[in-house]
Each structure stands twice: as structure tokens, then as C-alpha cells.
């Protein structure tokens, strides 16, 4: 029997117009695509691959905070 796991995915858009997805709970789990539809397919595949090598997921997603700094 399969267990359904839910993850928080952080999605950003880079300077070249690519959408970039990463999972705070799975170190090194990220991907990119030109469209959100393709990105969602790819991040599901990346999650499946990361879960094959990751024994357990122990990080708890707390949130995202925007911070302004003077550069």
C-alpha cells in the first residue's frame, strides 16, 4: 500500500525566464522548466528520485520571509 506524502515546494523565476522549484525538506531536490506545467511534472519526478535515496524527511517547513538589504 502506498503512502501519500505532501511537500512544500518553493517556486521562483530566474533572470532567464525559467521557473525553478526546490524542496526545503529534501536537500538537493530541485529542477527547472520554462513553464509551470512542465515544472510540476519535473518536480514530482525529482521528489520520487530523492525519496529513493533519502531514508526519512525530518525538516519541518516553517515559512518564507522576504528581507530587504542595501546593496
N, C-alpha and C. Protein backbone atom coordinates (compact mmCIF):
# COMPACT_ATOMS: atom_id res chain seq x y z
N UNK A 1 0.84 -1.18 0.00
CA UNK A 1 0.00 0.00 0.00
C UNK A 1 0.89 1.25 0.00
N UNK A 2 0.60 2.20 -0.85
CA UNK A 2 1.37 3.43 -0.97
C UNK A 2 0.92 4.47 0.05
N UNK A 3 1.86 5.25 0.50
CA UNK A 3 1.57 6.35 1.40
C UNK A 3 1.71 7.65 0.63
N UNK A 4 0.76 8.53 0.78
CA UNK A 4 0.83 9.83 0.12
C UNK A 4 1.57 10.80 1.04
N UNK A 5 2.60 11.44 0.50
CA UNK A 5 3.37 12.44 1.24
C UNK A 5 3.16 13.78 0.57
N UNK A 6 3.06 14.82 1.36
CA UNK A 6 2.91 16.16 0.84
C UNK A 6 4.14 16.98 1.18
N UNK A 7 4.56 17.82 0.23
CA UNK A 7 5.74 18.65 0.41
C UNK A 7 5.44 20.08 0.03
N UNK A 8 6.13 21.01 0.66
CA UNK A 8 6.08 22.42 0.28
C UNK A 8 7.16 22.65 -0.76
N UNK A 9 6.78 23.23 -1.88
CA UNK A 9 7.70 23.50 -2.98
C UNK A 9 7.87 25.01 -3.11
N UNK A 10 9.11 25.46 -3.13
CA UNK A 10 9.40 26.88 -3.35
C UNK A 10 9.63 27.07 -4.84
N UNK A 11 8.88 27.99 -5.45
CA UNK A 11 9.00 28.24 -6.88
C UNK A 11 9.42 29.70 -7.09
N UNK A 12 10.47 29.87 -7.89
CA UNK A 12 10.97 31.19 -8.22
C UNK A 12 11.13 31.28 -9.74
N UNK A 13 11.24 32.49 -10.25
CA UNK A 13 11.50 32.69 -11.67
C UNK A 13 12.85 33.39 -11.79
N UNK A 14 13.77 32.79 -12.57
CA UNK A 14 15.10 33.38 -12.67
C UNK A 14 15.17 34.46 -13.75
N UNK A 15 16.33 35.07 -13.90
CA UNK A 15 16.51 36.18 -14.83
C UNK A 15 16.32 35.76 -16.29
N UNK A 16 16.51 34.48 -16.59
CA UNK A 16 16.35 33.98 -17.96
C UNK A 16 14.92 33.53 -18.26
N UNK A 17 14.02 33.68 -17.29
CA UNK A 17 12.62 33.31 -17.50
C UNK A 17 12.28 31.88 -17.13
N UNK A 18 13.22 31.14 -16.58
CA UNK A 18 12.95 29.76 -16.16
C UNK A 18 12.31 29.76 -14.77
N UNK A 19 11.36 28.85 -14.58
CA UNK A 19 10.81 28.62 -13.26
C UNK A 19 11.71 27.59 -12.58
N UNK A 20 12.06 27.84 -11.32
CA UNK A 20 12.93 26.97 -10.55
C UNK A 20 12.19 26.51 -9.31
N UNK A 21 12.12 25.19 -9.11
CA UNK A 21 11.43 24.63 -7.95
C UNK A 21 12.44 23.92 -7.07
N UNK A 22 12.28 24.10 -5.76
CA UNK A 22 13.14 23.40 -4.80
C UNK A 22 12.31 23.02 -3.58
N UNK A 23 12.77 21.98 -2.90
CA UNK A 23 12.09 21.50 -1.71
C UNK A 23 12.98 21.69 -0.50
N UNK A 24 12.59 22.53 0.43
CA UNK A 24 13.39 22.72 1.64
C UNK A 24 13.56 21.42 2.44
N UNK A 25 12.58 20.53 2.39
CA UNK A 25 12.62 19.29 3.19
C UNK A 25 13.54 18.22 2.62
N UNK A 26 13.88 18.33 1.34
CA UNK A 26 14.74 17.33 0.70
C UNK A 26 15.96 18.04 0.11
N UNK A 27 17.07 17.91 0.79
CA UNK A 27 18.30 18.58 0.37
C UNK A 27 18.68 18.16 -1.05
N UNK A 28 18.95 19.14 -1.90
CA UNK A 28 19.39 18.85 -3.26
C UNK A 28 18.27 18.53 -4.23
N UNK A 29 17.03 18.65 -3.78
CA UNK A 29 15.89 18.31 -4.64
C UNK A 29 15.38 19.59 -5.30
N UNK A 30 15.73 19.75 -6.57
CA UNK A 30 15.30 20.93 -7.32
C UNK A 30 15.31 20.64 -8.82
N UNK A 31 14.61 21.48 -9.57
CA UNK A 31 14.56 21.34 -11.01
C UNK A 31 14.13 22.68 -11.60
N UNK A 32 14.14 22.76 -12.92
CA UNK A 32 13.70 23.99 -13.60
C UNK A 32 12.99 23.66 -14.89
N UNK A 33 12.21 24.63 -15.38
CA UNK A 33 11.49 24.46 -16.65
C UNK A 33 11.04 25.84 -17.13
N UNK A 34 10.67 25.90 -18.40
CA UNK A 34 10.18 27.15 -18.98
C UNK A 34 8.71 27.42 -18.64
N UNK A 35 7.94 26.37 -18.31
CA UNK A 35 6.52 26.56 -17.98
C UNK A 35 6.22 25.91 -16.63
N UNK A 36 5.17 26.40 -15.97
CA UNK A 36 4.78 25.84 -14.68
C UNK A 36 4.27 24.41 -14.81
N UNK A 37 3.58 24.11 -15.92
CA UNK A 37 3.07 22.74 -16.12
C UNK A 37 4.22 21.73 -16.18
N UNK A 38 5.24 22.06 -16.96
CA UNK A 38 6.40 21.17 -17.07
C UNK A 38 7.15 21.13 -15.75
N UNK A 39 7.24 22.26 -15.07
CA UNK A 39 7.92 22.31 -13.78
C UNK A 39 7.27 21.36 -12.78
N UNK A 40 5.95 21.34 -12.72
CA UNK A 40 5.25 20.47 -11.77
C UNK A 40 5.51 19.00 -12.08
N UNK A 41 5.55 18.66 -13.35
CA UNK A 41 5.86 17.27 -13.72
C UNK A 41 7.28 16.91 -13.30
N UNK A 42 8.20 17.81 -13.57
CA UNK A 42 9.61 17.55 -13.25
C UNK A 42 9.86 17.49 -11.75
N UNK A 43 9.20 18.34 -10.98
CA UNK A 43 9.46 18.33 -9.53
C UNK A 43 8.89 17.06 -8.91
N UNK A 44 7.78 16.55 -9.44
CA UNK A 44 7.27 15.26 -8.94
C UNK A 44 8.28 14.14 -9.21
N UNK A 45 8.87 14.16 -10.39
CA UNK A 45 9.90 13.16 -10.72
C UNK A 45 11.11 13.32 -9.82
N UNK A 46 11.53 14.56 -9.57
CA UNK A 46 12.68 14.81 -8.71
C UNK A 46 12.40 14.35 -7.28
N UNK A 47 11.20 14.60 -6.79
CA UNK A 47 10.84 14.16 -5.44
C UNK A 47 10.91 12.64 -5.34
N UNK A 48 10.37 11.96 -6.33
CA UNK A 48 10.40 10.49 -6.31
C UNK A 48 11.83 9.97 -6.27
N UNK A 49 12.71 10.58 -7.06
CA UNK A 49 14.11 10.16 -7.07
C UNK A 49 14.80 10.47 -5.74
N UNK A 50 14.53 11.64 -5.18
CA UNK A 50 15.14 12.00 -3.90
C UNK A 50 14.65 11.08 -2.78
N UNK A 51 13.39 10.69 -2.82
CA UNK A 51 12.85 9.82 -1.77
C UNK A 51 13.44 8.41 -1.85
N UNK A 52 13.90 8.00 -3.04
CA UNK A 52 14.53 6.69 -3.18
C UNK A 52 15.83 6.61 -2.38
N UNK A 53 16.55 7.71 -2.27
CA UNK A 53 17.84 7.70 -1.56
C UNK A 53 17.75 8.29 -0.15
N UNK A 54 16.72 9.05 0.12
CA UNK A 54 16.54 9.68 1.44
C UNK A 54 15.75 8.73 2.33
N UNK A 55 16.32 8.39 3.47
CA UNK A 55 15.65 7.46 4.39
C UNK A 55 14.42 8.08 5.05
N UNK A 56 14.58 9.30 5.54
CA UNK A 56 13.46 9.95 6.21
C UNK A 56 13.53 11.45 5.97
N UNK A 57 12.40 12.09 6.10
CA UNK A 57 12.31 13.53 5.95
C UNK A 57 12.03 14.10 7.33
N UNK A 58 12.98 14.86 7.85
CA UNK A 58 12.82 15.33 9.22
C UNK A 58 12.64 16.84 9.33
N UNK A 59 12.88 17.58 8.25
CA UNK A 59 12.73 19.03 8.31
C UNK A 59 11.27 19.42 8.27
N UNK A 60 10.93 20.42 9.06
CA UNK A 60 9.57 20.95 9.06
C UNK A 60 9.61 22.33 8.42
N UNK A 61 8.82 22.52 7.37
CA UNK A 61 8.76 23.80 6.68
C UNK A 61 8.06 24.81 7.58
N UNK A 62 8.72 25.95 7.81
CA UNK A 62 8.16 26.97 8.68
C UNK A 62 7.57 28.11 7.85
N UNK A 63 8.28 28.54 6.82
CA UNK A 63 7.75 29.63 6.00
C UNK A 63 8.86 30.33 5.24
N UNK A 64 8.46 31.36 4.52
CA UNK A 64 9.39 32.16 3.74
C UNK A 64 9.26 33.59 4.22
N UNK A 65 10.38 34.24 4.38
CA UNK A 65 10.40 35.62 4.83
C UNK A 65 11.15 36.47 3.82
N UNK A 66 10.56 37.56 3.38
CA UNK A 66 11.25 38.47 2.46
C UNK A 66 12.01 39.49 3.30
N UNK A 67 13.28 39.68 2.98
CA UNK A 67 14.14 40.59 3.73
C UNK A 67 14.78 41.57 2.75
N UNK A 68 14.76 42.84 3.08
CA UNK A 68 15.39 43.87 2.25
C UNK A 68 16.74 44.24 2.83
N UNK A 69 17.76 44.32 1.97
CA UNK A 69 19.09 44.77 2.38
C UNK A 69 19.58 45.81 1.39
N UNK A 70 20.45 46.66 1.84
CA UNK A 70 21.03 47.67 0.98
C UNK A 70 22.27 47.07 0.33
N UNK A 71 22.32 47.16 -1.01
CA UNK A 71 23.47 46.57 -1.73
C UNK A 71 24.27 47.67 -2.38
